[in-house]
Amino acid sequence: MRLVIARCSVDYAGRLTAHLPSAPRLILVKADGSVSIHADDRAYKPLNWMSPPCTLKEGTGEDAGVWTVVNKAGEKLIITMEEILHDSSHELGVDPGLIKDGVEAHLQELLADRIETLGEGYTLIRREYMTAIGPVDILCRDADGQTVAVEIKRRGEIDGVEQLTRYLELLNRDPHLAPVRGVFAAQEIKPQARVLATDRGINCHILDYDALRGIEDDKLRLF
C-alpha cells in the first residue's frame, strides 16, 4: 500500500463530472490497483475513488505532479499535486479477512439454503460474493430479478449498516449487477441501526435461528 499526503485538487470525468478544490488530502494506492482520496473526516468514506481494475500513470515533464487514473470503462480520476507532504509504501501481505463467529457463519449458511425466507421468488446467486473491499455475505435476486446484497449479523448495529452501504456503493458500479438493493439481516437489530438502514433505503429482516434450522417453537400452542 502506498500512502501519499499532499495538497492537491481532484477531477473526475465519467458518467458525471466532479471537482475537489485544492486542499491537503490522503491518497491511498492499494495493491489491487484501487486509488482513493480521503479528507480528515467522514470516517471510512473517501471523497472520491477508482475501483480496480484501473491503471495509474504519473505524469512527467510538463505534466509532472499530475496523476491520471483510468478504469476499464474509460472513466478518469485526475489528481493534480501541488505539494507532497508524505510519500511511503508498505507491504501488508495477504489479509486473513474477517472471521465471523459460529452463529453468524451458520446463519449465512442456513439463509443461503433457505433464501426464500427473505421473500417468495428469491433465488441465490452465491455466498461470500467477493468484492474489492471484502465478501458480501449473500448475493441473490428477488422475484422481480433485481440483485440483492444481504449482510448478516447476529446483532445488527450501525457498523453493520455502514458495511453494507460500502458494498452497495461498489456493487452498483457494476452494470451487470446494478441496480443492487440491500437487506440487513440479523437476529436482533438495534433501533439506531434500523433508522439508519431505512434512511439509506436498506430493508431490515429479523432472522429466527431456530426456524432456519427447522426446529419447532417449543412454546405451548392452542392449535
Protein backbone atom coordinates (compact mmCIF):
# COMPACT_ATOMS: atom_id res chain seq x y z
CA MET A 1 0.00 0.00 0.00
CA ARG A 2 1.22 3.48 -0.87
CA LEU A 3 0.28 6.41 1.38
CA VAL A 4 0.59 9.92 0.00
CA ILE A 5 -0.36 13.07 1.90
CA ALA A 6 -0.45 16.02 -0.47
CA ARG A 7 -2.05 19.33 -1.18
CA CYS A 8 -3.93 18.54 -4.35
CA SER A 9 -7.02 19.08 -6.47
CA VAL A 10 -9.03 16.22 -7.96
CA ASP A 11 -11.18 15.99 -11.08
CA TYR A 12 -13.39 13.06 -12.04
CA ALA A 13 -14.62 12.59 -15.60
CA GLY A 14 -17.01 9.77 -16.42
CA ARG A 15 -20.77 9.33 -16.29
CA LEU A 16 -20.72 12.68 -14.50
CA THR A 17 -18.05 15.20 -13.56
CA ALA A 18 -16.87 16.24 -10.12
CA HIS A 19 -14.20 18.59 -8.81
CA LEU A 20 -12.42 18.76 -5.46
CA PRO A 21 -10.62 22.10 -5.00
CA SER A 22 -7.11 22.32 -3.62
CA ALA A 23 -6.69 21.04 -0.05
CA PRO A 24 -4.44 18.69 1.95
CA ARG A 25 -5.63 15.08 1.47
CA LEU A 26 -4.61 11.48 1.99
CA ILE A 27 -4.29 9.34 -1.15
CA LEU A 28 -4.29 5.55 -0.83
CA VAL A 29 -2.96 3.36 -3.64
CA LYS A 30 -3.62 -0.30 -2.86
CA ALA A 31 -2.03 -3.44 -4.26
CA ASP A 32 -5.26 -4.28 -6.13
CA GLY A 33 -4.81 -1.05 -8.13
CA SER A 34 -7.56 0.94 -6.42
CA VAL A 35 -6.98 4.62 -5.67
CA SER A 36 -8.96 6.59 -3.09
CA ILE A 37 -8.76 10.17 -1.84
CA HIS A 38 -9.59 10.95 1.80
CA ALA A 39 -10.15 14.02 3.94
CA ASP A 40 -9.52 14.11 7.69
CA ASP A 41 -13.18 13.35 8.46
CA ARG A 42 -16.06 11.22 7.07
CA ALA A 43 -14.75 8.10 8.88
CA TYR A 44 -14.03 5.40 6.30
CA LYS A 45 -15.67 7.01 3.26
CA PRO A 46 -13.37 8.54 0.63
CA LEU A 47 -14.09 11.83 -1.13
CA ASN A 48 -13.52 10.11 -4.46
CA TRP A 49 -12.09 6.81 -5.62
CA MET A 50 -11.44 4.48 -8.55
CA SER A 51 -12.06 0.77 -8.09
CA PRO A 52 -9.97 -1.91 -9.80
CA PRO A 53 -9.24 -2.83 -12.47
CA CYS A 54 -7.66 0.52 -13.25
CA THR A 55 -4.27 1.97 -14.17
CA LEU A 56 -2.32 4.81 -12.56
CA LYS A 57 0.01 6.95 -14.64
CA GLU A 58 2.21 9.58 -13.01
CA GLY A 59 3.00 12.48 -15.29
CA THR A 60 6.49 13.58 -16.28
CA GLY A 61 7.97 16.75 -17.70
CA GLU A 62 5.34 19.46 -18.03
CA ASP A 63 2.78 17.05 -16.54
CA ALA A 64 4.91 16.21 -13.51
CA GLY A 65 2.71 16.09 -10.44
CA VAL A 66 -0.38 15.03 -12.37
CA TRP A 67 -1.71 11.53 -11.67
CA THR A 68 -4.21 10.05 -14.09
CA VAL A 69 -6.20 7.00 -13.03
CA VAL A 70 -8.27 5.28 -15.73
CA ASN A 71 -10.64 2.33 -15.31
CA LYS A 72 -11.83 -0.19 -17.91
CA ALA A 73 -14.85 1.99 -18.73
CA GLY A 74 -12.57 4.90 -19.67
CA GLU A 75 -13.54 6.99 -16.65
CA LYS A 76 -10.72 9.19 -15.36
CA LEU A 77 -9.64 10.44 -11.96
CA ILE A 78 -7.08 13.23 -12.37
CA ILE A 79 -5.11 14.23 -9.27
CA THR A 80 -3.05 17.40 -9.54
CA MET A 81 -0.35 17.53 -6.86
CA GLU A 82 0.73 20.95 -5.62
CA GLU A 83 2.84 19.84 -2.68
CA ILE A 84 3.65 16.34 -1.44
CA LEU A 85 3.96 16.23 2.35
CA HIS A 86 4.48 12.48 2.76
CA ASP A 87 5.01 9.53 0.43
CA SER A 88 5.62 5.99 1.71
CA SER A 89 4.94 2.40 0.65
CA HIS A 90 4.23 -0.56 2.91
CA GLU A 91 3.88 -4.29 2.20
CA LEU A 92 0.85 -5.55 4.12
CA GLY A 93 0.72 -9.09 2.71
CA VAL A 94 -2.40 -11.22 2.35
CA ASP A 95 -5.12 -10.33 4.83
CA PRO A 96 -6.82 -13.29 6.56
CA GLY A 97 -10.16 -11.50 6.34
CA LEU A 98 -12.93 -11.09 8.89
CA ILE A 99 -13.64 -14.24 10.86
CA LYS A 100 -17.31 -14.46 11.76
CA ASP A 101 -18.44 -16.12 14.95
CA GLY A 102 -20.06 -19.53 14.70
CA VAL A 103 -23.61 -18.23 14.85
CA GLU A 104 -23.12 -15.67 12.06
CA ALA A 105 -21.39 -18.21 9.84
CA HIS A 106 -24.18 -20.72 10.43
CA LEU A 107 -26.86 -18.08 9.83
CA GLN A 108 -25.28 -17.31 6.48
CA GLU A 109 -25.21 -20.99 5.52
CA LEU A 110 -28.80 -21.57 6.62
CA LEU A 111 -30.17 -18.46 4.93
CA ALA A 112 -28.40 -19.30 1.68
CA ASP A 113 -30.01 -22.73 1.82
CA ARG A 114 -33.42 -21.20 2.59
CA ILE A 115 -33.16 -17.97 0.63
CA GLU A 116 -36.94 -17.88 0.16
CA THR A 117 -37.04 -16.78 3.83
CA LEU A 118 -36.40 -13.26 2.52
CA GLY A 119 -39.43 -13.43 0.25
CA GLU A 120 -41.22 -15.58 -2.29
CA GLY A 121 -39.34 -15.91 -5.56
CA TYR A 122 -35.86 -15.15 -4.17
CA THR A 123 -33.01 -17.10 -5.78
CA LEU A 124 -29.40 -17.43 -4.65
CA ILE A 125 -26.54 -16.13 -6.81
CA ARG A 126 -23.80 -17.10 -4.37
CA ARG A 127 -22.49 -16.88 -0.82
CA GLU A 128 -19.39 -14.85 0.00
CA TYR A 129 -19.56 -12.82 -3.22
CA MET A 130 -16.11 -11.25 -3.40
CA THR A 131 -15.62 -7.54 -3.99
CA ALA A 132 -12.54 -5.31 -3.89
CA ILE A 133 -13.33 -4.40 -0.27
CA GLY A 134 -14.37 -7.82 1.01
CA PRO A 135 -17.01 -10.52 0.59
CA VAL A 136 -20.74 -9.82 0.56
CA ASP A 137 -22.39 -12.45 2.77
CA ILE A 138 -25.09 -13.36 0.23
CA LEU A 139 -25.86 -12.09 -3.25
CA CYS A 140 -29.27 -13.08 -4.59
CA ARG A 141 -32.15 -11.95 -6.80
CA ASP A 142 -35.70 -11.13 -5.78
CA ALA A 143 -38.88 -12.21 -7.57
CA ASP A 144 -38.52 -9.26 -9.99
CA GLY A 145 -34.96 -10.24 -10.90
CA GLN A 146 -33.31 -7.34 -9.06
CA THR A 147 -29.95 -8.03 -7.44
CA VAL A 148 -29.99 -8.03 -3.63
CA ALA A 149 -26.94 -7.87 -1.34
CA VAL A 150 -27.50 -9.34 2.13
CA GLU A 151 -25.35 -8.54 5.17
CA ILE A 152 -25.85 -10.96 8.05
CA LYS A 153 -25.16 -10.22 11.72
CA ARG A 154 -26.04 -11.89 14.99
CA ARG A 155 -26.70 -8.46 16.46
CA GLY A 156 -27.42 -5.73 13.93
CA GLU A 157 -25.77 -2.42 14.80
CA ILE A 158 -24.82 0.76 12.95
CA ASP A 159 -21.42 -0.53 11.84
CA GLY A 160 -23.13 -3.39 10.02
CA VAL A 161 -25.31 -0.93 8.11
CA GLU A 162 -22.21 1.09 7.22
CA GLN A 163 -20.51 -2.08 5.98
CA LEU A 164 -23.46 -2.97 3.74
CA THR A 165 -23.57 0.62 2.47
CA ARG A 166 -19.97 0.31 1.28
CA TYR A 167 -20.75 -2.92 -0.54
CA LEU A 168 -23.80 -1.38 -2.23
CA GLU A 169 -21.83 1.64 -3.43
CA LEU A 170 -19.33 -0.69 -5.07
CA LEU A 171 -21.78 -3.25 -6.46
CA ASN A 172 -23.93 -0.57 -8.05
CA ARG A 173 -20.96 0.41 -10.21
CA ASP A 174 -21.14 -2.98 -11.93
CA PRO A 175 -23.53 -2.71 -14.90
CA HIS A 176 -24.07 -6.49 -14.82
CA LEU A 177 -25.48 -6.28 -11.30
CA ALA A 178 -26.98 -2.78 -10.95
CA PRO A 179 -29.34 -1.76 -9.59
CA VAL A 180 -28.48 -3.53 -6.35
CA ARG A 181 -30.50 -3.04 -3.18
CA GLY A 182 -29.59 -4.12 0.31
CA VAL A 183 -31.05 -6.30 3.06
CA PHE A 184 -29.65 -6.09 6.59
CA ALA A 185 -30.47 -9.40 8.28
CA ALA A 186 -29.86 -10.19 11.95
CA GLN A 187 -31.33 -11.98 14.94
CA GLU A 188 -31.68 -8.60 16.62
CA ILE A 189 -31.47 -5.14 15.04
CA LYS A 190 -30.79 -2.11 17.23
CA PRO A 191 -33.23 0.81 16.79
CA GLN A 192 -30.46 3.19 15.66
CA ALA A 193 -29.31 0.69 13.04
CA ARG A 194 -32.86 0.26 11.77
CA VAL A 195 -33.31 4.02 11.44
CA LEU A 196 -30.02 4.38 9.51
CA ALA A 197 -30.85 1.43 7.26
CA THR A 198 -34.30 2.81 6.47
CA ASP A 199 -32.82 6.23 5.72
CA ARG A 200 -30.47 4.60 3.19
CA GLY A 201 -33.16 2.51 1.52
CA ILE A 202 -31.91 -0.74 3.07
CA ASN A 203 -34.52 -3.29 4.18
CA CYS A 204 -34.20 -4.91 7.60
CA HIS A 205 -35.03 -8.57 8.21
CA ILE A 206 -35.11 -10.38 11.56
CA LEU A 207 -33.70 -13.92 11.38
CA ASP A 208 -35.15 -16.69 13.53
CA TYR A 209 -32.22 -19.04 14.10
CA ASP A 210 -34.35 -21.96 15.27
CA ALA A 211 -36.81 -21.57 12.39
CA LEU A 212 -33.96 -21.57 9.89
CA ARG A 213 -32.65 -24.75 11.49
CA GLY A 214 -36.10 -26.32 11.19
CA ILE A 215 -36.69 -26.50 14.95
CA GLU A 216 -40.30 -26.03 16.02
CA ASP A 217 -41.10 -23.35 18.59
CA ASP A 218 -41.40 -25.14 21.92
CA LYS A 219 -44.00 -22.70 23.31
CA LEU A 220 -47.40 -24.17 24.11
CA ARG A 221 -49.93 -23.74 21.32
CA LEU A 222 -53.74 -24.00 21.47
CA PHE A 223 -53.83 -25.34 17.90
